[in-house]
Each structure stands twice: as structure tokens, then as C-alpha cells.
Amino acid sequence: MDNAERKKMRTKQVIATNVILLISITVYFIVFNMFEVTSFQFFALLGIIMLLQAITGLIKGDSTSSFIPVFEQVARYEKQKMGDEWFKQRKMNHIWRFIVSGMMFLQAYWNRNTSDNMIQVDISFLLILALLIFAIINTSQYLHIRKVDRSASHMDMKGYTRKSTLMAIAAGIAIATVFIIVTISYVLI
């Protein structure tokens, strides 16, 4: 794949990812404003979605097929470019989906007796949160694309999954800390 084709593919990938994210956030706001969704229902639904994604990923195995053609093209390209690290990354993604699904079910269990409406926070706070989610997803996608596209051989990718997972955990802890501090500050003000 030459540079022009790769750049076109990556542009389509970023656009598709952002459109899906925008649609998801819009649906979230519409549904939560139309219906009274409790914390239990919210976390249970997220747990089910993550569990279905994890199971679907396991069933697909090493297939690069996707409902969205550009994602299939990206998967084929990255599978060829990354070699064994692509398979490791897929396995790690499945493991993390199961872990996040379990965390969501645990949150649902802890909130099973609450009847609070999930969307009782200020719309400006949710907008800032949505923008932060966009920034995090686009930054991580940019870093991944840059690493994969700049690699000259499979050896350049050796250890990538382990390193990127450790960086994601560290970033997640830092972002969670910021979220907690901002949320506490927001509630106290």
C-alpha cells in the first residue's frame, strides 16, 4: 500500500470512528433525556454491550471482517504490518472487554437498589466529558496509527502490545484521578 492509499484509508478510519462516537453520544443524550434511566439500568446495559463485543470478538477469532468496510481494510493492513503483535493486541482487547464488562456488572450490582435518574448532572459538565472522551479516543488512535504506519518491519512492533497496554493503564489511572478531582470539585462548588 502506497502512502496516498494509506493516508486515504486512515482518514476514512478516523472519520468513521468519530462519526460512530458522535452518533453514540447523541443517542446517549436523547435516550437519557427521553427516559428515566437508573444507574443500575445504565451499568447493566454497558456491561451487556461490552460482553457482547467480547464474545463477538472471540467468535470472529483472527478474522479481519467488519460491518464497516474501512475497518476491515485497516484490520487487513495492520495484520500484515504488525505480524504476531496484531494477534496479541486482539487477544488483549478481548480480555479488556471482559474486564470492563465485569466492572460494569459490578457497578450495576452496587447500584441495584438506587432509583436515581442517571442524567441529573449539568449539561455543560456532560459536554465537557464528551469532549474529553473525543480527545482521549482520537489521541490514542493517532498514537497507534503513527506507530503502525512508521514501522518498517515486524521487529519494530515487537513488544508493542505490552507497552501500549501499560501506557493505557497508566493513562487510565491519571485520567480517572483527574475525573475524580474534577467531579468532586464540581459537586462542591
N, C-alpha and C. Protein backbone atom coordinates (compact mmCIF):
# COMPACT_ATOMS: atom_id res chain seq x y z
N MET A 1 0.86 -1.17 0.00
CA MET A 1 0.00 0.00 0.00
C MET A 1 0.90 1.24 0.00
N ASP A 2 0.66 2.12 -0.96
CA ASP A 2 1.48 3.33 -1.02
C ASP A 2 0.97 4.39 -0.03
N ASN A 3 1.74 5.45 0.11
CA ASN A 3 1.42 6.48 1.12
C ASN A 3 0.07 7.14 0.89
N ALA A 4 -0.27 7.42 -0.37
CA ALA A 4 -1.55 8.08 -0.66
C ALA A 4 -2.73 7.18 -0.28
N GLU A 5 -2.63 5.89 -0.61
CA GLU A 5 -3.71 4.96 -0.26
C GLU A 5 -3.83 4.81 1.26
N ARG A 6 -2.68 4.72 1.92
CA ARG A 6 -2.69 4.56 3.38
C ARG A 6 -3.28 5.81 4.04
N LYS A 7 -2.89 6.98 3.56
CA LYS A 7 -3.41 8.22 4.13
C LYS A 7 -4.92 8.32 3.94
N LYS A 8 -5.39 7.93 2.76
CA LYS A 8 -6.83 7.95 2.48
C LYS A 8 -7.57 6.96 3.40
N MET A 9 -6.99 5.76 3.57
CA MET A 9 -7.60 4.76 4.44
C MET A 9 -7.65 5.26 5.89
N ARG A 10 -6.57 5.83 6.37
CA ARG A 10 -6.51 6.32 7.75
C ARG A 10 -7.47 7.49 7.96
N THR A 11 -7.61 8.35 6.96
CA THR A 11 -8.56 9.46 7.06
C THR A 11 -9.98 8.92 7.19
N LYS A 12 -10.32 7.93 6.35
CA LYS A 12 -11.65 7.30 6.43
C LYS A 12 -11.85 6.64 7.79
N GLN A 13 -10.80 6.01 8.31
CA GLN A 13 -10.88 5.35 9.61
C GLN A 13 -11.19 6.36 10.72
N VAL A 14 -10.47 7.47 10.73
CA VAL A 14 -10.67 8.49 11.75
C VAL A 14 -12.07 9.10 11.63
N ILE A 15 -12.50 9.37 10.41
CA ILE A 15 -13.84 9.93 10.20
C ILE A 15 -14.90 8.94 10.67
N ALA A 16 -14.77 7.67 10.29
CA ALA A 16 -15.75 6.65 10.69
C ALA A 16 -15.80 6.51 12.21
N THR A 17 -14.65 6.49 12.84
CA THR A 17 -14.59 6.37 14.30
C THR A 17 -15.28 7.55 14.97
N ASN A 18 -15.01 8.76 14.49
CA ASN A 18 -15.61 9.95 15.09
C ASN A 18 -17.11 10.04 14.81
N VAL A 19 -17.54 9.61 13.63
CA VAL A 19 -18.98 9.61 13.33
C VAL A 19 -19.70 8.62 14.25
N ILE A 20 -19.13 7.43 14.42
CA ILE A 20 -19.73 6.44 15.32
C ILE A 20 -19.78 6.97 16.75
N LEU A 21 -18.71 7.60 17.18
CA LEU A 21 -18.65 8.17 18.52
C LEU A 21 -19.68 9.29 18.68
N LEU A 22 -19.79 10.15 17.69
CA LEU A 22 -20.76 11.24 17.74
C LEU A 22 -22.19 10.71 17.78
N ILE A 23 -22.48 9.70 16.96
CA ILE A 23 -23.82 9.10 16.97
C ILE A 23 -24.10 8.46 18.33
N SER A 24 -23.12 7.76 18.88
CA SER A 24 -23.30 7.10 20.18
C SER A 24 -23.59 8.11 21.28
N ILE A 25 -22.84 9.19 21.31
CA ILE A 25 -23.05 10.21 22.34
C ILE A 25 -24.39 10.90 22.15
N THR A 26 -24.77 11.15 20.90
CA THR A 26 -26.07 11.77 20.61
C THR A 26 -27.21 10.87 21.06
N VAL A 27 -27.12 9.59 20.73
CA VAL A 27 -28.15 8.62 21.16
C VAL A 27 -28.21 8.57 22.69
N TYR A 28 -27.04 8.59 23.32
CA TYR A 28 -26.98 8.59 24.78
C TYR A 28 -27.77 9.77 25.35
N PHE A 29 -27.51 10.98 24.84
CA PHE A 29 -28.20 12.16 25.34
C PHE A 29 -29.71 12.09 25.07
N ILE A 30 -30.08 11.64 23.89
CA ILE A 30 -31.51 11.57 23.55
C ILE A 30 -32.23 10.56 24.44
N VAL A 31 -31.67 9.35 24.54
CA VAL A 31 -32.31 8.30 25.34
C VAL A 31 -32.40 8.71 26.81
N PHE A 32 -31.33 9.28 27.34
CA PHE A 32 -31.33 9.62 28.75
C PHE A 32 -32.18 10.84 29.05
N ASN A 33 -32.48 11.65 28.05
CA ASN A 33 -33.39 12.78 28.27
C ASN A 33 -34.85 12.38 28.07
N MET A 34 -35.09 11.35 27.26
CA MET A 34 -36.46 10.90 27.00
C MET A 34 -36.98 9.95 28.08
N PHE A 35 -36.10 9.13 28.61
CA PHE A 35 -36.50 8.11 29.57
C PHE A 35 -35.75 8.30 30.88
N GLU A 36 -36.36 7.82 31.95
CA GLU A 36 -35.68 7.83 33.23
C GLU A 36 -34.88 6.55 33.33
N VAL A 37 -33.58 6.68 33.19
CA VAL A 37 -32.69 5.53 33.24
C VAL A 37 -31.95 5.56 34.57
N THR A 38 -32.08 4.47 35.32
CA THR A 38 -31.41 4.40 36.61
C THR A 38 -29.95 3.99 36.42
N SER A 39 -29.18 4.17 37.47
CA SER A 39 -27.77 3.77 37.42
C SER A 39 -27.65 2.28 37.16
N PHE A 40 -28.52 1.48 37.78
CA PHE A 40 -28.49 0.04 37.56
C PHE A 40 -28.70 -0.29 36.08
N GLN A 41 -29.72 0.31 35.47
CA GLN A 41 -30.01 0.04 34.06
C GLN A 41 -28.86 0.49 33.16
N PHE A 42 -28.29 1.64 33.46
CA PHE A 42 -27.18 2.17 32.67
C PHE A 42 -25.98 1.23 32.70
N PHE A 43 -25.55 0.85 33.90
CA PHE A 43 -24.36 -0.01 34.01
C PHE A 43 -24.63 -1.42 33.50
N ALA A 44 -25.84 -1.92 33.71
CA ALA A 44 -26.17 -3.25 33.19
C ALA A 44 -26.14 -3.25 31.67
N LEU A 45 -26.67 -2.20 31.05
CA LEU A 45 -26.66 -2.11 29.59
C LEU A 45 -25.22 -2.02 29.07
N LEU A 46 -24.40 -1.19 29.70
CA LEU A 46 -23.00 -1.10 29.28
C LEU A 46 -22.29 -2.45 29.45
N GLY A 47 -22.58 -3.15 30.53
CA GLY A 47 -21.99 -4.47 30.76
C GLY A 47 -22.39 -5.46 29.68
N ILE A 48 -23.66 -5.43 29.29
CA ILE A 48 -24.15 -6.32 28.23
C ILE A 48 -23.48 -5.99 26.90
N ILE A 49 -23.39 -4.70 26.58
CA ILE A 49 -22.76 -4.29 25.31
C ILE A 49 -21.31 -4.74 25.27
N MET A 50 -20.57 -4.51 26.35
CA MET A 50 -19.15 -4.91 26.38
C MET A 50 -19.01 -6.42 26.33
N LEU A 51 -19.89 -7.15 27.01
CA LEU A 51 -19.84 -8.61 26.98
C LEU A 51 -20.12 -9.13 25.57
N LEU A 52 -21.11 -8.55 24.90
CA LEU A 52 -21.41 -8.96 23.52
C LEU A 52 -20.24 -8.67 22.59
N GLN A 53 -19.58 -7.52 22.77
CA GLN A 53 -18.41 -7.21 21.95
C GLN A 53 -17.29 -8.22 22.20
N ALA A 54 -17.07 -8.58 23.45
CA ALA A 54 -16.01 -9.54 23.77
C ALA A 54 -16.32 -10.91 23.18
N ILE A 55 -17.56 -11.36 23.32
CA ILE A 55 -17.95 -12.67 22.78
C ILE A 55 -17.87 -12.67 21.27
N THR A 56 -18.35 -11.59 20.64
CA THR A 56 -18.28 -11.48 19.18
C THR A 56 -16.83 -11.52 18.71
N GLY A 57 -15.96 -10.83 19.41
CA GLY A 57 -14.54 -10.84 19.06
C GLY A 57 -13.94 -12.22 19.17
N LEU A 58 -14.32 -12.96 20.21
CA LEU A 58 -13.81 -14.33 20.35
C LEU A 58 -14.33 -15.24 19.25
N ILE A 59 -15.59 -15.07 18.89
CA ILE A 59 -16.18 -15.89 17.82
C ILE A 59 -15.51 -15.58 16.49
N LYS A 60 -15.27 -14.30 16.23
CA LYS A 60 -14.60 -13.91 14.98
C LYS A 60 -13.19 -14.45 14.89
N GLY A 61 -12.57 -14.61 16.03
CA GLY A 61 -11.20 -15.12 16.06
C GLY A 61 -10.24 -14.16 15.39
N ASP A 62 -9.47 -14.67 14.44
CA ASP A 62 -8.45 -13.87 13.77
C ASP A 62 -8.95 -13.25 12.47
N SER A 63 -10.25 -13.30 12.27
CA SER A 63 -10.83 -12.73 11.05
C SER A 63 -10.72 -11.21 11.06
N THR A 64 -10.53 -10.64 9.89
CA THR A 64 -10.46 -9.18 9.77
C THR A 64 -11.79 -8.60 9.31
N SER A 65 -12.81 -9.43 9.18
CA SER A 65 -14.09 -8.96 8.66
C SER A 65 -14.73 -7.94 9.60
N SER A 66 -15.48 -7.01 8.99
CA SER A 66 -16.16 -5.97 9.75
C SER A 66 -17.36 -5.49 8.96
N PHE A 67 -18.37 -4.97 9.68
CA PHE A 67 -19.55 -4.40 9.02
C PHE A 67 -19.18 -3.12 8.26
N ILE A 68 -18.17 -2.45 8.73
CA ILE A 68 -17.75 -1.19 8.13
C ILE A 68 -16.51 -1.46 7.29
N PRO A 69 -16.61 -1.28 5.97
CA PRO A 69 -15.52 -1.67 5.06
C PRO A 69 -14.15 -1.07 5.41
N VAL A 70 -14.10 0.17 5.83
CA VAL A 70 -12.80 0.78 6.13
C VAL A 70 -12.14 0.09 7.33
N PHE A 71 -12.92 -0.37 8.29
CA PHE A 71 -12.35 -1.08 9.44
C PHE A 71 -11.79 -2.44 9.02
N GLU A 72 -12.44 -3.07 8.07
CA GLU A 72 -11.93 -4.33 7.53
C GLU A 72 -10.61 -4.09 6.80
N GLN A 73 -10.56 -3.04 6.01
CA GLN A 73 -9.33 -2.69 5.28
C GLN A 73 -8.20 -2.38 6.26
N VAL A 74 -8.50 -1.63 7.31
CA VAL A 74 -7.50 -1.30 8.33
C VAL A 74 -7.02 -2.57 9.03
N ALA A 75 -7.94 -3.46 9.35
CA ALA A 75 -7.56 -4.70 10.04
C ALA A 75 -6.64 -5.55 9.17
N ARG A 76 -6.93 -5.66 7.89
CA ARG A 76 -6.06 -6.43 6.99
C ARG A 76 -4.68 -5.78 6.91
N TYR A 77 -4.66 -4.47 6.77
CA TYR A 77 -3.39 -3.74 6.68
C TYR A 77 -2.57 -3.92 7.96
N GLU A 78 -3.21 -3.72 9.12
CA GLU A 78 -2.48 -3.82 10.38
C GLU A 78 -2.06 -5.26 10.68
N LYS A 79 -2.86 -6.22 10.29
CA LYS A 79 -2.50 -7.63 10.48
C LYS A 79 -1.22 -7.95 9.72
N GLN A 80 -1.15 -7.44 8.50
CA GLN A 80 0.03 -7.67 7.66
C GLN A 80 1.23 -6.89 8.21
N LYS A 81 1.00 -5.68 8.66
CA LYS A 81 2.07 -4.79 9.11
C LYS A 81 2.62 -5.19 10.49
N MET A 82 1.74 -5.60 11.39
CA MET A 82 2.13 -5.87 12.77
C MET A 82 2.58 -7.31 13.02
N GLY A 83 2.14 -8.23 12.21
CA GLY A 83 2.51 -9.63 12.41
C GLY A 83 1.92 -10.20 13.69
N ASP A 84 2.75 -10.87 14.50
CA ASP A 84 2.28 -11.51 15.73
C ASP A 84 1.69 -10.52 16.73
N GLU A 85 2.15 -9.30 16.72
CA GLU A 85 1.63 -8.29 17.66
C GLU A 85 0.15 -8.00 17.40
N TRP A 86 -0.29 -8.17 16.16
CA TRP A 86 -1.70 -7.95 15.84
C TRP A 86 -2.55 -8.97 16.59
N PHE A 87 -2.12 -10.22 16.58
CA PHE A 87 -2.85 -11.28 17.28
C PHE A 87 -2.83 -11.04 18.79
N LYS A 88 -1.69 -10.63 19.32
CA LYS A 88 -1.59 -10.32 20.75
C LYS A 88 -2.50 -9.16 21.12
N GLN A 89 -2.53 -8.15 20.26
CA GLN A 89 -3.37 -6.99 20.53
C GLN A 89 -4.85 -7.37 20.52
N ARG A 90 -5.24 -8.21 19.58
CA ARG A 90 -6.64 -8.66 19.53
C ARG A 90 -7.01 -9.40 20.81
N LYS A 91 -6.14 -10.32 21.25
CA LYS A 91 -6.41 -11.07 22.48
C LYS A 91 -6.51 -10.13 23.67
N MET A 92 -5.61 -9.16 23.74
CA MET A 92 -5.63 -8.21 24.85
C MET A 92 -6.92 -7.38 24.82
N ASN A 93 -7.37 -6.99 23.64
CA ASN A 93 -8.63 -6.25 23.53
C ASN A 93 -9.81 -7.07 24.04
N HIS A 94 -9.83 -8.36 23.71
CA HIS A 94 -10.91 -9.23 24.20
C HIS A 94 -10.86 -9.34 25.71
N ILE A 95 -9.67 -9.50 26.26
CA ILE A 95 -9.53 -9.60 27.72
C ILE A 95 -10.03 -8.33 28.38
N TRP A 96 -9.64 -7.16 27.85
CA TRP A 96 -10.07 -5.90 28.44
C TRP A 96 -11.57 -5.69 28.33
N ARG A 97 -12.16 -6.16 27.24
CA ARG A 97 -13.63 -6.05 27.12
C ARG A 97 -14.32 -6.88 28.19
N PHE A 98 -13.81 -8.09 28.45
CA PHE A 98 -14.39 -8.90 29.52
C PHE A 98 -14.20 -8.23 30.88
N ILE A 99 -13.04 -7.66 31.12
CA ILE A 99 -12.77 -6.98 32.39
C ILE A 99 -13.71 -5.79 32.57
N VAL A 100 -13.83 -4.96 31.53
CA VAL A 100 -14.71 -3.78 31.62
C VAL A 100 -16.16 -4.22 31.77
N SER A 101 -16.56 -5.28 31.07
CA SER A 101 -17.91 -5.80 31.21
C SER A 101 -18.17 -6.22 32.66
N GLY A 102 -17.22 -6.93 33.24
CA GLY A 102 -17.36 -7.34 34.64
C GLY A 102 -17.45 -6.14 35.57
N MET A 103 -16.65 -5.10 35.29
CA MET A 103 -16.70 -3.89 36.11
C MET A 103 -18.06 -3.21 36.00
N MET A 104 -18.64 -3.20 34.81
CA MET A 104 -19.95 -2.59 34.62
C MET A 104 -21.03 -3.39 35.35
N PHE A 105 -20.94 -4.72 35.28
CA PHE A 105 -21.91 -5.55 36.01
C PHE A 105 -21.75 -5.37 37.52
N LEU A 106 -20.52 -5.19 37.98
CA LEU A 106 -20.28 -4.93 39.40
C LEU A 106 -20.89 -3.58 39.80
N GLN A 107 -20.72 -2.57 38.96
CA GLN A 107 -21.35 -1.26 39.21
C GLN A 107 -22.87 -1.39 39.23
N ALA A 108 -23.42 -2.18 38.30
CA ALA A 108 -24.87 -2.39 38.26
C ALA A 108 -25.33 -3.05 39.56
N TYR A 109 -24.57 -4.04 40.02
CA TYR A 109 -24.92 -4.72 41.27
C TYR A 109 -24.90 -3.75 42.45
N TRP A 110 -23.86 -2.93 42.52
CA TRP A 110 -23.75 -1.96 43.61
C TRP A 110 -24.87 -0.92 43.57
N ASN A 111 -25.39 -0.64 42.38
CA ASN A 111 -26.44 0.38 42.23
C ASN A 111 -27.82 -0.23 42.03
N ARG A 112 -28.00 -1.49 42.37
CA ARG A 112 -29.25 -2.20 42.09
C ARG A 112 -30.44 -1.62 42.84
N ASN A 113 -30.23 -1.02 43.98
CA ASN A 113 -31.34 -0.50 44.79
C ASN A 113 -31.54 1.00 44.65
N THR A 114 -30.78 1.64 43.77
CA THR A 114 -30.95 3.08 43.60
C THR A 114 -32.00 3.35 42.53
N SER A 115 -32.75 4.39 42.73
CA SER A 115 -33.76 4.76 41.74
C SER A 115 -33.45 6.13 41.15
N ASP A 116 -32.23 6.62 41.38
CA ASP A 116 -31.83 7.92 40.87
C ASP A 116 -31.78 7.90 39.35
N ASN A 117 -32.24 9.00 38.76
CA ASN A 117 -32.13 9.16 37.31
C ASN A 117 -30.66 9.38 36.99
N MET A 118 -30.16 8.69 35.98
CA MET A 118 -28.72 8.72 35.67
C MET A 118 -28.26 10.10 35.20
N ILE A 119 -29.10 10.84 34.50
CA ILE A 119 -28.66 12.10 33.90
C ILE A 119 -29.20 13.29 34.70
N GLN A 120 -28.71 13.45 35.89
CA GLN A 120 -29.12 14.58 36.72
C GLN A 120 -28.03 15.64 36.81
N VAL A 121 -26.97 15.46 36.05
CA VAL A 121 -25.88 16.43 36.11
C VAL A 121 -26.08 17.52 35.07
N ASP A 122 -25.36 18.57 35.23
CA ASP A 122 -25.42 19.73 34.35
C ASP A 122 -24.99 19.35 32.93
N ILE A 123 -25.69 19.88 31.94
CA ILE A 123 -25.39 19.58 30.54
C ILE A 123 -24.00 20.06 30.15
N SER A 124 -23.54 21.16 30.74
CA SER A 124 -22.20 21.65 30.42
C SER A 124 -21.13 20.67 30.92
N PHE A 125 -21.37 20.04 32.07
CA PHE A 125 -20.44 19.03 32.58
C PHE A 125 -20.40 17.83 31.63
N LEU A 126 -21.57 17.40 31.15
CA LEU A 126 -21.62 16.27 30.22
C LEU A 126 -20.96 16.61 28.89
N LEU A 127 -21.11 17.85 28.46
CA LEU A 127 -20.47 18.28 27.21
C LEU A 127 -18.95 18.25 27.35
N ILE A 128 -18.45 18.72 28.47
CA ILE A 128 -17.01 18.67 28.72
C ILE A 128 -16.53 17.22 28.76
N LEU A 129 -17.31 16.37 29.40
CA LEU A 129 -16.98 14.94 29.47
C LEU A 129 -16.95 14.32 28.07
N ALA A 130 -17.94 14.66 27.23
CA ALA A 130 -17.98 14.14 25.86
C ALA A 130 -16.77 14.62 25.06
N LEU A 131 -16.41 15.88 25.20
CA LEU A 131 -15.23 16.40 24.50
C LEU A 131 -13.95 15.72 24.98
N LEU A 132 -13.88 15.44 26.26
CA LEU A 132 -12.72 14.74 26.80
C LEU A 132 -12.64 13.31 26.24
N ILE A 133 -13.78 12.66 26.11
CA ILE A 133 -13.82 11.32 25.52
C ILE A 133 -13.34 11.37 24.08
N PHE A 134 -13.82 12.35 23.31
CA PHE A 134 -13.35 12.53 21.93
C PHE A 134 -11.83 12.71 21.91
N ALA A 135 -11.32 13.55 22.78
CA ALA A 135 -9.87 13.82 22.81
C ALA A 135 -9.08 12.56 23.15
N ILE A 136 -9.53 11.81 24.13
CA ILE A 136 -8.81 10.59 24.53
C ILE A 136 -8.81 9.57 23.41
N ILE A 137 -9.96 9.34 22.80
CA ILE A 137 -10.05 8.34 21.73
C ILE A 137 -9.21 8.76 20.53
N ASN A 138 -9.30 10.01 20.14
CA ASN A 138 -8.53 10.46 18.97
C ASN A 138 -7.03 10.47 19.23
N THR A 139 -6.63 10.82 20.45
CA THR A 139 -5.20 10.81 20.77
C THR A 139 -4.65 9.39 20.75
N SER A 140 -5.37 8.46 21.37
CA SER A 140 -4.89 7.07 21.37
C SER A 140 -4.88 6.49 19.97
N GLN A 141 -5.88 6.84 19.17
CA GLN A 141 -5.91 6.36 17.79
C GLN A 141 -4.75 6.95 16.98
N TYR A 142 -4.47 8.22 17.18
CA TYR A 142 -3.36 8.87 16.48
C TYR A 142 -2.03 8.20 16.83
N LEU A 143 -1.80 7.95 18.11
CA LEU A 143 -0.55 7.32 18.54
C LEU A 143 -0.41 5.91 17.96
N HIS A 144 -1.51 5.16 17.93
CA HIS A 144 -1.48 3.81 17.36
C HIS A 144 -1.18 3.86 15.87
N ILE A 145 -1.89 4.73 15.16
CA ILE A 145 -1.69 4.85 13.71
C ILE A 145 -0.25 5.25 13.40
N ARG A 146 0.27 6.20 14.14
CA ARG A 146 1.64 6.66 13.92
C ARG A 146 2.65 5.53 14.12
N LYS A 147 2.47 4.77 15.19
CA LYS A 147 3.40 3.67 15.48
C LYS A 147 3.33 2.60 14.39
N VAL A 148 2.13 2.21 14.00
CA VAL A 148 1.97 1.14 13.00
C VAL A 148 2.49 1.61 11.64
N ASP A 149 2.11 2.79 11.22
CA ASP A 149 2.48 3.26 9.89
C ASP A 149 3.97 3.54 9.75
N ARG A 150 4.63 3.91 10.83
CA ARG A 150 6.06 4.20 10.77
C ARG A 150 6.94 2.96 10.90
N SER A 151 6.35 1.85 11.29
CA SER A 151 7.17 0.64 11.46
C SER A 151 7.58 0.10 10.09
N ALA A 152 8.83 -0.33 10.01
CA ALA A 152 9.37 -0.85 8.75
C ALA A 152 9.28 -2.37 8.68
N SER A 153 9.24 -3.02 9.85
CA SER A 153 9.18 -4.48 9.86
C SER A 153 8.44 -4.95 11.11
N HIS A 154 8.22 -6.26 11.18
CA HIS A 154 7.57 -6.84 12.36
C HIS A 154 8.40 -6.62 13.62
N MET A 155 9.70 -6.52 13.46
CA MET A 155 10.58 -6.32 14.62
C MET A 155 10.35 -4.96 15.28
N ASP A 156 9.94 -3.97 14.49
CA ASP A 156 9.64 -2.65 15.06
C ASP A 156 8.43 -2.70 16.00
N MET A 157 7.58 -3.71 15.79
CA MET A 157 6.35 -3.82 16.58
C MET A 157 6.52 -4.75 17.78
N LYS A 158 7.66 -5.38 17.90
CA LYS A 158 7.89 -6.34 18.99
C LYS A 158 7.69 -5.66 20.35
N GLY A 159 6.82 -6.24 21.17
CA GLY A 159 6.54 -5.70 22.49
C GLY A 159 5.54 -4.55 22.50
N TYR A 160 4.99 -4.21 21.34
CA TYR A 160 4.08 -3.06 21.24
C TYR A 160 2.83 -3.25 22.10
N THR A 161 2.26 -4.44 22.08
CA THR A 161 1.03 -4.69 22.83
C THR A 161 1.26 -4.50 24.32
N ARG A 162 2.33 -5.06 24.83
CA ARG A 162 2.65 -4.93 26.26
C ARG A 162 2.88 -3.46 26.63
N LYS A 163 3.69 -2.77 25.82
CA LYS A 163 3.99 -1.36 26.11
C LYS A 163 2.74 -0.49 26.03
N SER A 164 1.94 -0.70 24.99
CA SER A 164 0.75 0.13 24.83
C SER A 164 -0.28 -0.16 25.93
N THR A 165 -0.35 -1.41 26.37
CA THR A 165 -1.27 -1.74 27.46
C THR A 165 -0.83 -1.08 28.76
N LEU A 166 0.46 -1.14 29.05
CA LEU A 166 0.97 -0.49 30.26
C LEU A 166 0.77 1.03 30.21
N MET A 167 0.98 1.62 29.04
CA MET A 167 0.76 3.06 28.89
C MET A 167 -0.72 3.39 29.05
N ALA A 168 -1.60 2.54 28.52
CA ALA A 168 -3.04 2.76 28.64
C ALA A 168 -3.48 2.68 30.10
N ILE A 169 -2.92 1.72 30.83
CA ILE A 169 -3.26 1.60 32.25
C ILE A 169 -2.80 2.85 33.01
N ALA A 170 -1.58 3.29 32.76
CA ALA A 170 -1.07 4.49 33.42
C ALA A 170 -1.91 5.72 33.06
N ALA A 171 -2.23 5.86 31.78
CA ALA A 171 -3.06 6.98 31.34
C ALA A 171 -4.46 6.88 31.95
N GLY A 172 -4.99 5.68 32.02
CA GLY A 172 -6.31 5.47 32.62
C GLY A 172 -6.35 5.88 34.08
N ILE A 173 -5.30 5.53 34.81
CA ILE A 173 -5.22 5.92 36.22
C ILE A 173 -5.13 7.44 36.35
N ALA A 174 -4.32 8.06 35.50
CA ALA A 174 -4.18 9.52 35.53
C ALA A 174 -5.50 10.20 35.17
N ILE A 175 -6.16 9.72 34.13
CA ILE A 175 -7.43 10.32 33.69
C ILE A 175 -8.51 10.10 34.75
N ALA A 176 -8.55 8.91 35.34
CA ALA A 176 -9.53 8.64 36.40
C ALA A 176 -9.30 9.57 37.59
N THR A 177 -8.05 9.81 37.93
CA THR A 177 -7.73 10.73 39.02
C THR A 177 -8.23 12.14 38.70
N VAL A 178 -8.00 12.58 37.47
CA VAL A 178 -8.48 13.90 37.05
C VAL A 178 -10.00 13.94 37.09
N PHE A 179 -10.67 12.89 36.58
CA PHE A 179 -12.14 12.82 36.62
C PHE A 179 -12.65 12.94 38.05
N ILE A 180 -12.03 12.20 38.94
CA ILE A 180 -12.47 12.21 40.34
C ILE A 180 -12.30 13.60 40.94
N ILE A 181 -11.15 14.21 40.71
CA ILE A 181 -10.89 15.55 41.25
C ILE A 181 -11.86 16.57 40.66
N VAL A 182 -12.06 16.53 39.34
CA VAL A 182 -12.97 17.47 38.68
C VAL A 182 -14.40 17.25 39.16
N THR A 183 -14.81 16.00 39.29
CA THR A 183 -16.17 15.70 39.73
C THR A 183 -16.39 16.17 41.17
N ILE A 184 -15.44 15.89 42.03
CA ILE A 184 -15.56 16.34 43.43
C ILE A 184 -15.59 17.87 43.49
N SER A 185 -14.73 18.52 42.72
CA SER A 185 -14.72 19.99 42.67
C SER A 185 -16.04 20.52 42.14
N TYR A 186 -16.58 19.88 41.13
CA TYR A 186 -17.84 20.30 40.52
C TYR A 186 -18.98 20.18 41.53
N VAL A 187 -19.00 19.08 42.26
CA VAL A 187 -20.06 18.84 43.24
C VAL A 187 -19.97 19.82 44.41
N LEU A 188 -18.75 20.12 44.82
CA LEU A 188 -18.56 21.01 45.97
C LEU A 188 -18.80 22.48 45.64
N ILE A 189 -18.69 22.84 44.37
CA ILE A 189 -18.84 24.25 44.00
C ILE A 189 -20.27 24.62 43.81
